[in-house]
Amino acid sequence: MKLTYFNLFILFLILASSGYSQTAKDYIDSGNEKNDHKDYRGAIEAFSKALEFDPQNAKAFCFRGISKSSLKDNAGAIEDFSMAITIDTQLVEAYFLRGVSKSDIKDYKGAIADFTRTLQIDPKHSMALSNRGYSKSELQDYKGAIVDYSSAIEIDPKNSFAYYDRGEARKHLEDFKGAISDYSSAIEVEPENKWFSSRGGAKFQIKDYVRAIADFTKVIEFDPKHETAYYLRGECRKNVSIRPSTSSNFAFQSLSLPFSLKTIDMYNEKKFRAIYDEFLGSGLTIRDFCANGQMNEAKFYYWQNKLKDQLPPKRGFVPVVFENSGQAQSSGVPASVQSQSAPFPNPETTMQTISCEISYPNGVHVKLNGLPDAQLLRSLLVLTRR
């Protein structure tokens, strides 16, 4: 969870009245008031007027950058924060705010550089540490992110976001018990729906189903329409043989269709890739593969769709060999084509001399003596298709 603290920085950017001409200060005060009322365009206009009177006012550039950022004009915000830095190279909040804007446009390396500069000026800047940790997580440097989150927590033990984000980083490293501890710390500081959901998911991963049920129930209390929480609570109840009450059956049963996993990943990407490789080598349909206990079918489709541009294509080729009087013909075309175009000899003259062998991707070989029934052959050839 990225921390954007723009609404807090009016408190940090204290303006010394001796630093402005009276007219510039009037416009800045007007701009701050407009910001408070979310009139960001009016605020930008007021700060621009202030800069007409005092073009070297670094903090006015910062204020205007905050207003632009509130309108999602990150490019304009970065330009204003950079102008502030040019005027005052020690203005710590200008570096921090520029880092946040760079993070918003996914320039995580640039953001890390700005947060690092912030910390060089102010080593106790806990929000810079938290945001740098977030940027490192986005670059999959989870160990580095954990170091930053831990430092932020040392400075501010009430930083619930740092606890939560450190838990997320630990989850990516499959340290589920550590993640649970961090989610619990975040909940102690500030109970949030997302905290409970993530903690329940981590408990599910370590098969602590009873405690996971309690967390998902709490999520549902926060949000009675939270589909994922209903589904996961149901999965937990199946594993501990607890049936939901009649009053909750309607919500439970309505989730038989594929669901959204926005809150928690049931399987991380690395695990699913391994499962998918096993699926490709099994020669089974998705339904049969999942029915064998490898994975929930809905979760399989969720991950397959999520990684559809990254997964290897399913092998749809079934080598078929027809032998007639010692002469072998091999076919490498897809099974669906073979069933229509495989060269069959005349059954009246060669019925007893033909054998058919089918080799499946999982290593299984099926050999039939004599010319097989067309319907049987077709059913054997399409076993690897959905």
Protein backbone atom coordinates (compact mmCIF):
# COMPACT_ATOMS: atom_id res chain seq x y z
CA MET A 1 0.00 0.00 0.00
CA LYS A 2 1.63 3.21 -1.14
CA LEU A 3 1.51 6.13 1.24
CA THR A 4 0.60 9.39 -0.42
CA TYR A 5 0.48 11.95 2.36
CA PHE A 6 -0.27 15.07 0.37
CA ASN A 7 -3.08 16.13 2.64
CA LEU A 8 -0.66 16.21 5.57
CA PHE A 9 2.02 18.40 4.16
CA ILE A 10 0.42 21.71 4.85
CA LEU A 11 1.39 20.93 8.43
CA PHE A 12 5.01 20.29 7.49
CA LEU A 13 5.60 23.17 5.11
CA ILE A 14 5.46 25.97 7.67
CA LEU A 15 5.87 29.25 5.96
CA ALA A 16 7.83 31.98 7.71
CA SER A 17 5.98 35.20 6.99
CA SER A 18 9.25 37.08 6.82
CA GLY A 19 10.10 35.02 3.72
CA TYR A 20 7.41 36.56 1.50
CA SER A 21 6.29 39.92 0.37
CA GLN A 22 2.91 40.68 1.93
CA THR A 23 1.10 40.24 -1.40
CA ALA A 24 2.68 36.83 -2.09
CA LYS A 25 1.71 35.65 1.39
CA ASP A 26 -1.91 36.71 0.82
CA TYR A 27 -2.10 34.58 -2.34
CA ILE A 28 -0.45 31.61 -0.61
CA ASP A 29 -2.93 31.84 2.28
CA SER A 30 -5.75 31.95 -0.27
CA GLY A 31 -4.31 28.93 -2.09
CA ASN A 32 -4.07 26.92 1.13
CA GLU A 33 -7.68 27.72 1.96
CA LYS A 34 -8.80 26.59 -1.49
CA ASN A 35 -6.78 23.39 -1.05
CA ASP A 36 -8.58 22.72 2.23
CA HIS A 37 -11.90 22.94 0.34
CA LYS A 38 -10.55 20.73 -2.48
CA ASP A 39 -10.69 23.58 -4.97
CA TYR A 40 -7.37 22.50 -6.44
CA ARG A 41 -7.64 24.48 -9.65
CA GLY A 42 -8.38 27.64 -7.69
CA ALA A 43 -5.44 26.84 -5.41
CA ILE A 44 -3.10 26.45 -8.39
CA GLU A 45 -4.20 29.82 -9.69
CA ALA A 46 -3.57 31.45 -6.29
CA PHE A 47 -0.09 29.89 -5.93
CA SER A 48 0.75 30.97 -9.47
CA LYS A 49 -0.18 34.55 -8.54
CA ALA A 50 2.09 34.31 -5.50
CA LEU A 51 4.95 33.20 -7.72
CA GLU A 52 4.41 36.19 -10.00
CA PHE A 53 5.23 38.38 -7.00
CA ASP A 54 7.96 36.12 -5.61
CA PRO A 55 9.42 33.82 -8.33
CA GLN A 56 12.05 32.43 -5.95
CA ASN A 57 9.54 31.16 -3.38
CA ALA A 58 10.45 27.45 -3.17
CA LYS A 59 7.64 26.55 -0.81
CA ALA A 60 5.04 28.14 -3.08
CA PHE A 61 6.25 25.79 -5.82
CA CYS A 62 5.79 22.90 -3.38
CA PHE A 63 2.25 23.99 -2.52
CA ARG A 64 1.34 24.28 -6.18
CA GLY A 65 2.89 20.87 -6.85
CA ILE A 66 0.68 19.35 -4.14
CA SER A 67 -2.42 20.84 -5.78
CA LYS A 68 -1.37 19.54 -9.19
CA SER A 69 -0.76 16.11 -7.71
CA SER A 70 -4.28 16.13 -6.25
CA LEU A 71 -5.54 16.57 -9.82
CA LYS A 72 -3.34 13.62 -10.97
CA ASP A 73 -1.10 16.00 -12.89
CA ASN A 74 2.03 14.19 -11.79
CA ALA A 75 4.19 15.61 -14.57
CA GLY A 76 3.27 19.16 -13.56
CA ALA A 77 3.79 18.33 -9.90
CA ILE A 78 7.25 16.88 -10.54
CA GLU A 79 8.16 20.03 -12.47
CA ASP A 80 7.12 22.24 -9.54
CA PHE A 81 8.92 20.13 -6.95
CA SER A 82 12.04 20.22 -9.13
CA MET A 83 11.82 24.02 -9.33
CA ALA A 84 11.60 24.15 -5.54
CA ILE A 85 14.72 21.98 -5.27
CA THR A 86 16.59 24.22 -7.72
CA ILE A 87 15.82 27.21 -5.50
CA ASP A 88 16.46 25.44 -2.17
CA THR A 89 18.55 22.28 -2.37
CA GLN A 90 17.90 21.49 1.30
CA LEU A 91 14.09 21.65 1.15
CA VAL A 92 13.47 18.12 2.38
CA GLU A 93 9.74 17.96 1.58
CA ALA A 94 10.37 18.86 -2.06
CA TYR A 95 12.46 15.72 -2.50
CA PHE A 96 9.93 13.61 -0.65
CA LEU A 97 6.94 14.93 -2.61
CA ARG A 98 8.73 14.50 -5.91
CA GLY A 99 9.48 10.90 -4.92
CA VAL A 100 5.80 10.27 -4.24
CA SER A 101 4.84 11.70 -7.64
CA LYS A 102 7.48 9.57 -9.37
CA SER A 103 6.09 6.53 -7.60
CA ASP A 104 2.61 7.45 -8.89
CA ILE A 105 3.89 7.19 -12.47
CA LYS A 106 5.75 3.95 -11.62
CA ASP A 107 9.20 5.52 -11.85
CA TYR A 108 10.25 3.53 -8.80
CA LYS A 109 13.99 3.91 -9.32
CA GLY A 110 13.60 7.68 -9.54
CA ALA A 111 11.35 7.63 -6.48
CA ILE A 112 13.93 5.64 -4.49
CA ALA A 113 16.60 8.22 -5.40
CA ASP A 114 14.40 11.06 -4.10
CA PHE A 115 13.45 9.23 -0.90
CA THR A 116 17.13 8.45 -0.32
CA ARG A 117 17.99 12.15 -0.72
CA THR A 118 15.18 12.98 1.72
CA LEU A 119 16.74 10.65 4.27
CA GLN A 120 20.18 12.16 3.76
CA ILE A 121 18.76 15.50 4.83
CA ASP A 122 16.43 14.07 7.50
CA PRO A 123 17.39 10.52 8.61
CA LYS A 124 14.29 10.32 10.84
CA HIS A 125 11.81 10.88 8.02
CA SER A 126 9.65 7.79 8.63
CA MET A 127 7.35 8.41 5.66
CA ALA A 128 10.32 8.54 3.30
CA LEU A 129 11.42 5.17 4.67
CA SER A 130 7.92 3.70 4.23
CA ASN A 131 7.57 5.01 0.70
CA ARG A 132 11.05 3.86 -0.27
CA GLY A 133 10.11 0.42 1.05
CA TYR A 134 7.00 0.47 -1.14
CA SER A 135 9.06 1.38 -4.23
CA LYS A 136 11.51 -1.42 -3.47
CA SER A 137 8.62 -3.88 -3.14
CA GLU A 138 7.32 -2.81 -6.53
CA LEU A 139 10.77 -3.65 -7.91
CA GLN A 140 10.55 -7.02 -6.08
CA ASP A 141 13.37 -6.12 -3.69
CA TYR A 142 11.37 -7.50 -0.78
CA LYS A 143 14.31 -7.91 1.59
CA GLY A 144 15.37 -4.31 1.02
CA ALA A 145 11.77 -3.19 1.52
CA ILE A 146 11.58 -5.03 4.86
CA VAL A 147 14.69 -3.20 6.07
CA ASP A 148 13.08 0.17 5.24
CA TYR A 149 9.73 -0.71 6.81
CA SER A 150 11.50 -1.89 9.97
CA SER A 151 13.42 1.38 10.19
CA ALA A 152 10.19 3.35 9.73
CA ILE A 153 8.57 1.37 12.54
CA GLU A 154 11.50 2.07 14.87
CA ILE A 155 10.97 5.79 14.30
CA ASP A 156 7.16 5.63 14.44
CA PRO A 157 5.82 2.49 16.21
CA LYS A 158 2.25 3.63 15.41
CA ASN A 159 2.76 3.51 11.65
CA SER A 160 0.12 0.91 10.76
CA PHE A 161 0.89 1.18 7.03
CA ALA A 162 4.53 0.23 7.61
CA TYR A 163 3.46 -2.87 9.57
CA TYR A 164 1.00 -3.87 6.85
CA ASP A 165 3.43 -3.28 3.99
CA ARG A 166 6.16 -5.22 5.79
CA GLY A 167 3.67 -8.05 6.14
CA GLU A 168 3.00 -7.94 2.41
CA ALA A 169 6.73 -8.11 1.67
CA ARG A 170 7.10 -11.08 4.01
CA LYS A 171 4.16 -12.78 2.31
CA HIS A 172 5.96 -12.49 -1.03
CA LEU A 173 8.94 -14.21 0.60
CA GLU A 174 6.53 -16.90 1.89
CA ASP A 175 7.23 -15.95 5.50
CA PHE A 176 3.56 -16.30 6.37
CA LYS A 177 4.04 -16.40 10.14
CA GLY A 178 6.05 -13.18 9.99
CA ALA A 179 3.35 -11.65 7.79
CA ILE A 180 0.65 -12.64 10.29
CA SER A 181 2.60 -10.96 13.08
CA ASP A 182 2.86 -7.73 11.08
CA TYR A 183 -0.80 -7.75 10.07
CA SER A 184 -1.69 -8.21 13.75
CA SER A 185 0.47 -5.22 14.71
CA ALA A 186 -1.26 -3.10 12.05
CA ILE A 187 -4.66 -4.17 13.43
CA GLU A 188 -3.62 -3.22 16.96
CA VAL A 189 -2.73 0.27 15.80
CA GLU A 190 -5.68 0.80 13.46
CA PRO A 191 -8.25 -1.92 12.68
CA GLU A 192 -8.86 -1.98 8.94
CA ASN A 193 -10.81 -4.31 6.68
CA LYS A 194 -7.76 -4.98 4.49
CA TRP A 195 -5.60 -5.86 7.48
CA PHE A 196 -8.00 -8.64 8.55
CA SER A 197 -8.37 -9.92 5.00
CA SER A 198 -4.62 -10.24 4.49
CA ARG A 199 -4.10 -11.86 7.88
CA GLY A 200 -6.86 -14.35 7.15
CA GLY A 201 -5.21 -15.16 3.83
CA ALA A 202 -1.84 -15.77 5.48
CA LYS A 203 -3.48 -18.04 8.05
CA PHE A 204 -5.15 -19.92 5.21
CA GLN A 205 -1.73 -20.48 3.65
CA ILE A 206 -0.42 -22.17 6.79
CA LYS A 207 -3.72 -24.10 7.18
CA ASP A 208 -4.71 -22.35 10.39
CA TYR A 209 -8.30 -22.54 9.19
CA VAL A 210 -10.11 -21.87 12.48
CA ARG A 211 -8.34 -18.54 13.06
CA ALA A 212 -8.66 -17.67 9.38
CA ILE A 213 -12.44 -18.08 9.69
CA ALA A 214 -12.46 -15.50 12.48
CA ASP A 215 -10.58 -13.00 10.30
CA PHE A 216 -12.77 -13.50 7.25
CA THR A 217 -15.84 -13.12 9.45
CA LYS A 218 -14.45 -9.79 10.61
CA VAL A 219 -13.94 -8.74 7.00
CA ILE A 220 -17.58 -9.56 6.26
CA GLU A 221 -18.65 -7.44 9.25
CA PHE A 222 -16.80 -4.51 7.65
CA ASP A 223 -18.11 -5.29 4.17
CA PRO A 224 -21.12 -7.66 3.87
CA LYS A 225 -20.62 -7.81 0.07
CA HIS A 226 -16.98 -8.93 0.20
CA GLU A 227 -17.16 -11.98 -2.11
CA THR A 228 -13.61 -13.18 -1.58
CA ALA A 229 -14.06 -13.27 2.20
CA TYR A 230 -17.19 -15.44 1.85
CA TYR A 231 -15.43 -17.79 -0.51
CA LEU A 232 -12.29 -18.17 1.61
CA ARG A 233 -14.30 -18.60 4.79
CA GLY A 234 -16.20 -21.35 3.01
CA GLU A 235 -12.97 -23.04 1.99
CA CYS A 236 -11.79 -22.90 5.60
CA ARG A 237 -15.06 -24.37 6.87
CA LYS A 238 -14.78 -27.25 4.43
CA ASN A 239 -11.35 -28.05 5.81
CA VAL A 240 -12.50 -28.03 9.44
CA SER A 241 -15.91 -29.59 8.75
CA ILE A 242 -17.85 -26.57 10.02
CA ARG A 243 -21.09 -25.77 8.23
CA PRO A 244 -22.21 -22.16 7.83
CA SER A 245 -25.47 -21.13 9.44
CA THR A 246 -28.63 -21.11 7.31
CA SER A 247 -28.67 -17.32 7.35
CA SER A 248 -25.34 -17.15 5.55
CA ASN A 249 -25.94 -19.98 3.08
CA PHE A 250 -27.29 -17.65 0.40
CA ALA A 251 -24.05 -15.69 0.23
CA PHE A 252 -21.98 -18.83 0.47
CA GLN A 253 -23.77 -20.63 -2.33
CA SER A 254 -23.78 -17.61 -4.64
CA LEU A 255 -20.02 -17.87 -5.06
CA SER A 256 -19.88 -21.03 -7.14
CA LEU A 257 -18.75 -19.00 -10.18
CA PRO A 258 -15.16 -17.78 -10.63
CA PHE A 259 -14.36 -15.06 -8.11
CA SER A 260 -12.09 -12.07 -7.73
CA LEU A 261 -8.88 -12.39 -5.73
CA LYS A 262 -8.04 -8.71 -5.47
CA THR A 263 -7.42 -8.90 -1.74
CA ILE A 264 -5.25 -12.02 -1.47
CA ASP A 265 -3.31 -14.33 -3.78
CA MET A 266 -4.15 -17.94 -3.00
CA TYR A 267 -1.11 -19.14 -4.86
CA ASN A 268 1.83 -16.96 -5.69
CA GLU A 269 3.00 -16.73 -9.27
CA LYS A 270 5.98 -19.05 -8.77
CA LYS A 271 3.80 -21.84 -7.38
CA PHE A 272 1.23 -21.53 -10.13
CA ARG A 273 3.89 -21.72 -12.85
CA ALA A 274 5.07 -25.00 -11.33
CA ILE A 275 1.49 -26.28 -11.19
CA TYR A 276 0.90 -25.19 -14.78
CA ASP A 277 4.00 -27.05 -15.96
CA GLU A 278 2.67 -30.14 -14.22
CA PHE A 279 -0.69 -29.61 -15.90
CA LEU A 280 0.94 -29.36 -19.35
CA GLY A 281 2.72 -32.66 -18.80
CA SER A 282 -0.32 -34.45 -17.42
CA GLY A 283 -2.25 -34.77 -20.67
CA LEU A 284 -5.45 -34.03 -18.72
CA THR A 285 -8.14 -31.43 -19.20
CA ILE A 286 -8.17 -28.55 -16.72
CA ARG A 287 -11.24 -29.99 -15.04
CA ASP A 288 -9.75 -33.45 -14.64
CA PHE A 289 -6.40 -32.06 -13.51
CA CYS A 290 -8.06 -29.92 -10.84
CA ALA A 291 -10.35 -32.76 -9.82
CA ASN A 292 -7.27 -34.81 -8.99
CA GLY A 293 -6.63 -32.41 -6.13
CA GLN A 294 -3.96 -30.23 -7.72
CA MET A 295 -5.83 -26.93 -7.45
CA ASN A 296 -9.30 -25.42 -7.21
CA GLU A 297 -10.63 -25.06 -10.77
CA ALA A 298 -11.76 -21.44 -10.31
CA LYS A 299 -8.35 -20.50 -8.94
CA PHE A 300 -6.68 -22.25 -11.87
CA TYR A 301 -8.66 -20.16 -14.38
CA TYR A 302 -7.99 -17.00 -12.35
CA TRP A 303 -4.22 -17.48 -12.51
CA GLN A 304 -4.26 -18.73 -16.10
CA ASN A 305 -6.07 -15.57 -17.15
CA LYS A 306 -3.82 -13.35 -15.03
CA LEU A 307 -0.67 -14.79 -16.62
CA LYS A 308 -2.11 -15.56 -20.05
CA ASP A 309 0.59 -13.61 -21.90
CA GLN A 310 3.42 -15.23 -19.92
CA LEU A 311 2.53 -18.92 -19.79
CA PRO A 312 3.78 -21.43 -22.36
CA PRO A 313 1.14 -22.63 -24.83
CA LYS A 314 -0.67 -25.83 -24.03
CA ARG A 315 0.68 -28.80 -25.97
CA GLY A 316 -2.12 -29.83 -28.31
CA PHE A 317 -0.19 -32.41 -30.37
CA VAL A 318 -0.73 -36.12 -29.95
CA PRO A 319 1.69 -38.27 -32.00
CA VAL A 320 -0.22 -41.04 -33.76
CA VAL A 321 1.43 -43.96 -35.55
CA PHE A 322 -0.48 -46.23 -37.92
CA GLU A 323 1.28 -49.43 -38.88
CA ASN A 324 0.34 -51.48 -41.92
CA SER A 325 2.35 -54.55 -42.89
CA GLY A 326 5.40 -53.23 -41.11
CA GLN A 327 5.20 -49.77 -42.71
CA ALA A 328 4.79 -46.97 -40.17
CA GLN A 329 3.33 -43.54 -40.77
CA SER A 330 3.77 -40.85 -38.12
CA SER A 331 1.54 -37.88 -37.68
CA GLY A 332 2.50 -34.73 -35.80
CA VAL A 333 -0.58 -32.67 -36.57
CA PRO A 334 -3.00 -31.66 -33.86
CA ALA A 335 -5.36 -34.33 -32.63
CA SER A 336 -8.41 -32.48 -33.90
CA VAL A 337 -6.96 -32.51 -37.43
CA GLN A 338 -5.79 -36.11 -37.26
CA SER A 339 -9.27 -37.32 -36.47
CA GLN A 340 -10.41 -35.89 -39.78
CA SER A 341 -7.47 -36.54 -42.06
CA ALA A 342 -5.56 -39.60 -40.78
CA PRO A 343 -4.99 -41.93 -43.75
CA PHE A 344 -7.10 -45.03 -43.07
CA PRO A 345 -6.50 -48.10 -45.26
CA ASN A 346 -9.41 -50.04 -46.67
CA PRO A 347 -10.94 -51.81 -43.63
CA GLU A 348 -12.22 -54.73 -45.71
CA THR A 349 -8.70 -55.77 -46.77
CA THR A 350 -6.40 -54.68 -44.01
CA MET A 351 -8.46 -54.84 -40.78
CA GLN A 352 -6.19 -57.42 -39.18
CA THR A 353 -2.88 -55.88 -40.28
CA ILE A 354 -3.32 -52.37 -38.89
CA SER A 355 -2.28 -51.30 -35.41
CA CYS A 356 -2.67 -47.78 -34.00
CA GLU A 357 -0.48 -46.31 -31.28
CA ILE A 358 -1.21 -42.97 -29.57
CA SER A 359 1.46 -41.25 -27.45
CA TYR A 360 0.25 -38.67 -24.92
CA PRO A 361 2.36 -35.76 -23.55
CA ASN A 362 2.47 -37.36 -20.08
CA GLY A 363 4.29 -40.41 -21.46
CA VAL A 364 1.29 -42.75 -21.68
CA HIS A 365 1.07 -44.89 -24.83
CA VAL A 366 -2.14 -46.51 -26.06
CA LYS A 367 -1.85 -49.25 -28.68
CA LEU A 368 -4.90 -50.67 -30.49
CA ASN A 369 -4.85 -53.74 -32.70
CA GLY A 370 -7.01 -53.64 -35.76
CA LEU A 371 -8.80 -50.60 -37.15
CA PRO A 372 -10.41 -48.80 -34.19
CA ASP A 373 -13.97 -47.52 -34.19
CA ALA A 374 -14.00 -43.91 -35.47
CA GLN A 375 -15.84 -42.58 -32.40
CA LEU A 376 -13.41 -44.35 -30.06
CA LEU A 377 -10.41 -43.01 -31.96
CA ARG A 378 -11.79 -39.50 -31.84
CA SER A 379 -12.40 -39.67 -28.09
CA LEU A 380 -8.83 -40.86 -27.53
CA LEU A 381 -7.32 -38.14 -29.71
CA VAL A 382 -9.10 -35.24 -27.97
CA LEU A 383 -8.25 -36.25 -24.41
CA THR A 384 -5.80 -33.37 -24.09
CA ARG A 385 -8.25 -30.77 -25.26
CA ARG A 386 -10.46 -28.80 -22.84
